[in-house]
Amino acid sequence: MTTIKTFEEEEIVGYSKVDQYNAEQVTRIANHYEDILSAIGENPKREGLLKTPERVAKALQFLTHGYDIDASEILKSAMFEEDYSQMVVVKDIEVYSMCEHHMLPFFGKAHIAYIPNGHIVGLSKIPRVVDIYARRLQVQERLTNEIRDCIQDTLKPAGVAVVMECKHMCMAMRGVQKQNSVTTTSAFTGAFQNDVTRSEFLRLITAKLD
């Protein structure tokens, strides 16, 4: 894949923004969005829309860059042997993704736990795995399973638990237009299929720190 690096100088003195995009894809997507703007009755040549097709193309590349990253390799880069066999919980991980049915955002939080079986992983890598799968066109159900399976298959822990709570703009902005609805999905392996262990996990992710 050919990547172009562009340097955009902002008006703020001493600040420069560096973005990386695939130039061929930007042009291809932007051309389609110019047609889309015309199709919905807009004038793509007016001042406010002149750079919109390019901006949308770059935004889409960022929002779907998870296709180009191997989540398991991210975990493997920070795996460490450790004699620890109690539950490790990372909760309230921010999630931003796009529904594959309408290409509208859904967003919320993910709560993840695993029980080590000889190896632990750097804590920052778990949110990275969430981001990698979220930065693709998704449905929440599959996203939940993909996160679970990646951690289970890579770390080989005694069990993995994933719970996701998200709001979907395809429900809030269109369709049934229910702005306050929240969708919850869950996926468990190994020890978390036991009622006692699963209940402990659910208690921990709902507990508030004093």
Protein backbone atom coordinates (compact mmCIF):
# COMPACT_ATOMS: atom_id res chain seq x y z
CA MET A 1 0.00 0.00 0.00
CA THR A 2 1.38 3.40 -0.99
CA THR A 3 1.13 5.94 1.80
CA ILE A 4 1.50 9.68 1.40
CA LYS A 5 2.55 11.86 4.31
CA THR A 6 1.25 15.41 4.33
CA PHE A 7 2.33 18.20 6.64
CA GLU A 8 -0.36 20.79 7.35
CA GLU A 9 0.82 23.94 9.16
CA GLU A 10 -1.83 25.31 11.50
CA GLU A 11 -2.22 28.98 12.36
CA ILE A 12 -1.09 28.27 15.93
CA VAL A 13 2.57 29.22 16.12
CA GLY A 14 4.89 26.30 16.71
CA TYR A 15 2.26 23.64 15.97
CA SER A 16 2.25 21.36 12.95
CA LYS A 17 -0.18 18.56 12.21
CA VAL A 18 1.07 15.38 10.57
CA ASP A 19 -1.41 13.10 8.82
CA GLN A 20 -0.76 9.92 6.86
CA TYR A 21 -3.14 8.73 4.15
CA ASN A 22 -3.20 6.56 1.07
CA ALA A 23 -3.26 9.19 -1.69
CA GLU A 24 -4.86 6.90 -4.27
CA GLN A 25 -7.68 5.94 -1.92
CA VAL A 26 -8.27 9.57 -0.91
CA THR A 27 -8.73 10.58 -4.54
CA ARG A 28 -10.96 7.61 -5.34
CA ILE A 29 -13.26 8.09 -2.34
CA ALA A 30 -13.35 11.89 -2.75
CA ASN A 31 -14.51 11.58 -6.36
CA HIS A 32 -17.43 9.43 -5.26
CA TYR A 33 -18.40 11.87 -2.51
CA GLU A 34 -18.50 14.76 -4.95
CA ASP A 35 -21.11 12.77 -6.89
CA ILE A 36 -22.98 12.01 -3.67
CA LEU A 37 -23.14 15.69 -2.74
CA SER A 38 -24.62 16.45 -6.15
CA ALA A 39 -27.09 13.55 -5.84
CA ILE A 40 -28.54 14.88 -2.56
CA GLY A 41 -29.09 18.32 -4.11
CA GLU A 42 -25.97 20.12 -2.89
CA ASN A 43 -23.46 22.13 -4.89
CA PRO A 44 -20.03 20.53 -4.32
CA LYS A 45 -18.39 23.63 -5.83
CA ARG A 46 -19.64 26.07 -3.20
CA GLU A 47 -17.06 27.37 -0.75
CA GLY A 48 -18.11 25.34 2.30
CA LEU A 49 -18.05 22.05 0.40
CA LEU A 50 -14.98 22.46 -1.81
CA LYS A 51 -12.76 20.32 0.43
CA THR A 52 -15.52 18.17 1.94
CA PRO A 53 -15.00 15.14 -0.35
CA GLU A 54 -11.30 15.04 0.55
CA ARG A 55 -12.03 15.52 4.26
CA VAL A 56 -14.59 12.70 4.21
CA ALA A 57 -12.15 10.42 2.37
CA LYS A 58 -9.48 11.03 5.00
CA ALA A 59 -11.98 10.59 7.82
CA LEU A 60 -13.12 7.25 6.40
CA GLN A 61 -9.54 6.04 6.13
CA PHE A 62 -8.98 6.88 9.80
CA LEU A 63 -12.29 5.37 10.93
CA THR A 64 -11.56 2.09 9.10
CA HIS A 65 -7.79 1.78 9.57
CA GLY A 66 -8.29 -1.31 11.74
CA TYR A 67 -8.36 -3.47 8.62
CA ASP A 68 -4.62 -2.94 8.21
CA ILE A 69 -3.57 -3.98 11.75
CA ASP A 70 -3.18 -7.47 13.21
CA ALA A 71 -4.62 -7.26 16.74
CA SER A 72 -2.92 -10.47 17.86
CA GLU A 73 0.49 -9.00 17.02
CA ILE A 74 -0.29 -6.02 19.25
CA LEU A 75 -0.89 -8.39 22.17
CA LYS A 76 2.18 -10.48 21.40
CA SER A 77 4.36 -7.36 21.49
CA ALA A 78 3.72 -6.97 25.22
CA MET A 79 3.24 -10.48 26.62
CA PHE A 80 5.15 -11.34 29.77
CA GLU A 81 5.52 -14.52 31.78
CA GLU A 82 4.02 -13.98 35.20
CA ASP A 83 2.80 -16.24 38.01
CA TYR A 84 -0.53 -14.46 38.50
CA SER A 85 -3.83 -16.26 38.20
CA GLN A 86 -6.45 -13.81 39.47
CA MET A 87 -8.83 -11.77 37.40
CA VAL A 88 -7.47 -8.75 35.49
CA VAL A 89 -10.17 -6.21 34.62
CA VAL A 90 -9.94 -3.19 32.32
CA LYS A 91 -13.24 -1.37 32.32
CA ASP A 92 -14.78 1.76 30.80
CA ILE A 93 -12.77 1.51 27.58
CA GLU A 94 -14.16 4.06 25.13
CA VAL A 95 -15.49 2.54 21.91
CA TYR A 96 -16.15 4.36 18.65
CA SER A 97 -17.18 2.37 15.60
CA MET A 98 -19.40 2.51 12.51
CA CYS A 99 -22.45 0.37 11.86
CA GLU A 100 -21.97 -1.57 8.63
CA HIS A 101 -25.67 -1.34 7.75
CA HIS A 102 -25.97 2.46 7.53
CA MET A 103 -22.36 3.61 8.08
CA LEU A 104 -23.47 5.69 11.06
CA PRO A 105 -21.53 5.76 14.33
CA PHE A 106 -22.14 3.69 17.41
CA PHE A 107 -20.20 4.39 20.58
CA GLY A 108 -20.00 3.48 24.24
CA LYS A 109 -17.81 1.48 26.58
CA ALA A 110 -16.21 -1.94 26.71
CA HIS A 111 -15.39 -3.85 29.91
CA ILE A 112 -12.85 -6.65 29.53
CA ALA A 113 -11.34 -9.20 31.89
CA TYR A 114 -9.06 -12.19 31.58
CA ILE A 115 -7.60 -14.72 33.99
CA PRO A 116 -3.89 -15.23 33.23
CA ASN A 117 -2.56 -18.71 32.63
CA GLY A 118 1.18 -18.13 32.70
CA HIS A 119 1.20 -14.85 30.77
CA ILE A 120 -0.04 -11.32 31.33
CA VAL A 121 -0.21 -8.51 28.76
CA GLY A 122 0.58 -4.81 28.95
CA LEU A 123 -2.65 -3.13 30.02
CA SER A 124 -2.61 -0.55 27.24
CA LYS A 125 -2.74 -3.34 24.64
CA ILE A 126 -6.28 -4.34 25.62
CA PRO A 127 -7.80 -0.96 24.64
CA ARG A 128 -5.66 -1.12 21.49
CA VAL A 129 -7.31 -4.41 20.55
CA VAL A 130 -10.71 -2.80 21.07
CA ASP A 131 -9.75 0.10 18.78
CA ILE A 132 -8.38 -2.17 16.05
CA TYR A 133 -11.64 -4.10 15.71
CA ALA A 134 -13.81 -1.01 16.27
CA ARG A 135 -12.07 0.84 13.43
CA ARG A 136 -13.83 -1.33 10.87
CA LEU A 137 -17.40 -1.47 9.61
CA GLN A 138 -19.03 -3.46 12.38
CA VAL A 139 -22.04 -4.79 14.19
CA GLN A 140 -21.75 -4.72 17.97
CA GLU A 141 -22.33 -8.45 18.31
CA ARG A 142 -19.42 -9.37 16.05
CA LEU A 143 -17.18 -6.71 17.57
CA THR A 144 -17.75 -8.24 21.02
CA ASN A 145 -16.85 -11.73 19.79
CA GLU A 146 -13.78 -10.60 17.86
CA ILE A 147 -12.29 -8.91 20.92
CA ARG A 148 -12.97 -12.00 23.04
CA ASP A 149 -11.52 -14.41 20.48
CA CYS A 150 -8.37 -12.36 19.88
CA ILE A 151 -7.51 -12.27 23.59
CA GLN A 152 -8.38 -15.93 24.11
CA ASP A 153 -6.47 -17.21 21.06
CA THR A 154 -3.38 -15.07 21.68
CA LEU A 155 -2.91 -15.10 25.47
CA LYS A 156 -4.42 -18.55 26.06
CA PRO A 157 -5.81 -17.41 29.44
CA ALA A 158 -8.07 -19.42 31.72
CA GLY A 159 -10.95 -17.29 30.53
CA VAL A 160 -12.00 -14.03 28.88
CA ALA A 161 -15.01 -11.80 29.51
CA VAL A 162 -16.21 -8.93 27.32
CA VAL A 163 -19.24 -6.71 27.93
CA MET A 164 -20.07 -3.78 25.65
CA GLU A 165 -22.64 -1.02 26.15
CA CYS A 166 -23.24 1.24 23.13
CA LYS A 167 -25.58 3.80 21.67
CA HIS A 168 -26.31 3.47 17.95
CA MET A 169 -26.92 6.53 15.80
CA CYS A 170 -28.76 4.38 13.26
CA MET A 171 -31.43 4.02 15.96
CA ALA A 172 -31.22 7.55 17.37
CA MET A 173 -30.96 9.66 14.20
CA ARG A 174 -33.17 7.60 11.88
CA GLY A 175 -35.40 4.54 11.97
CA VAL A 176 -37.14 4.24 15.34
CA GLN A 177 -35.40 7.45 16.59
CA LYS A 178 -34.96 6.23 20.17
CA GLN A 179 -32.25 8.54 21.48
CA ASN A 180 -31.78 6.98 24.92
CA SER A 181 -31.61 3.29 24.09
CA VAL A 182 -28.43 1.37 24.95
CA THR A 183 -27.45 -1.99 23.49
CA THR A 184 -25.51 -4.42 25.71
CA THR A 185 -23.64 -7.44 24.37
CA SER A 186 -21.46 -9.98 26.17
CA ALA A 187 -19.12 -12.83 25.36
CA PHE A 188 -17.36 -15.26 27.72
CA THR A 189 -14.88 -18.11 27.55
CA GLY A 190 -13.42 -20.61 29.98
CA ALA A 191 -13.72 -19.76 33.68
CA PHE A 192 -16.16 -16.91 32.97
CA GLN A 193 -18.76 -19.44 31.87
CA ASN A 194 -18.96 -20.33 35.56
CA ASP A 195 -21.74 -18.38 37.30
CA VAL A 196 -19.60 -17.41 40.31
CA THR A 197 -16.69 -16.06 38.24
CA ARG A 198 -18.97 -14.26 35.83
CA SER A 199 -20.89 -12.67 38.72
CA GLU A 200 -17.62 -11.41 40.25
CA PHE A 201 -16.69 -9.82 36.92
CA LEU A 202 -20.08 -8.13 36.58
CA ARG A 203 -19.83 -6.84 40.13
CA LEU A 204 -16.37 -5.39 39.51
CA ILE A 205 -17.37 -3.53 36.34
CA THR A 206 -20.37 -1.94 38.05
CA ALA A 207 -18.57 -1.04 41.28
CA LYS A 208 -17.64 2.57 41.92
CA LEU A 209 -14.30 3.54 43.43
CA ASP A 210 -14.54 5.60 46.64
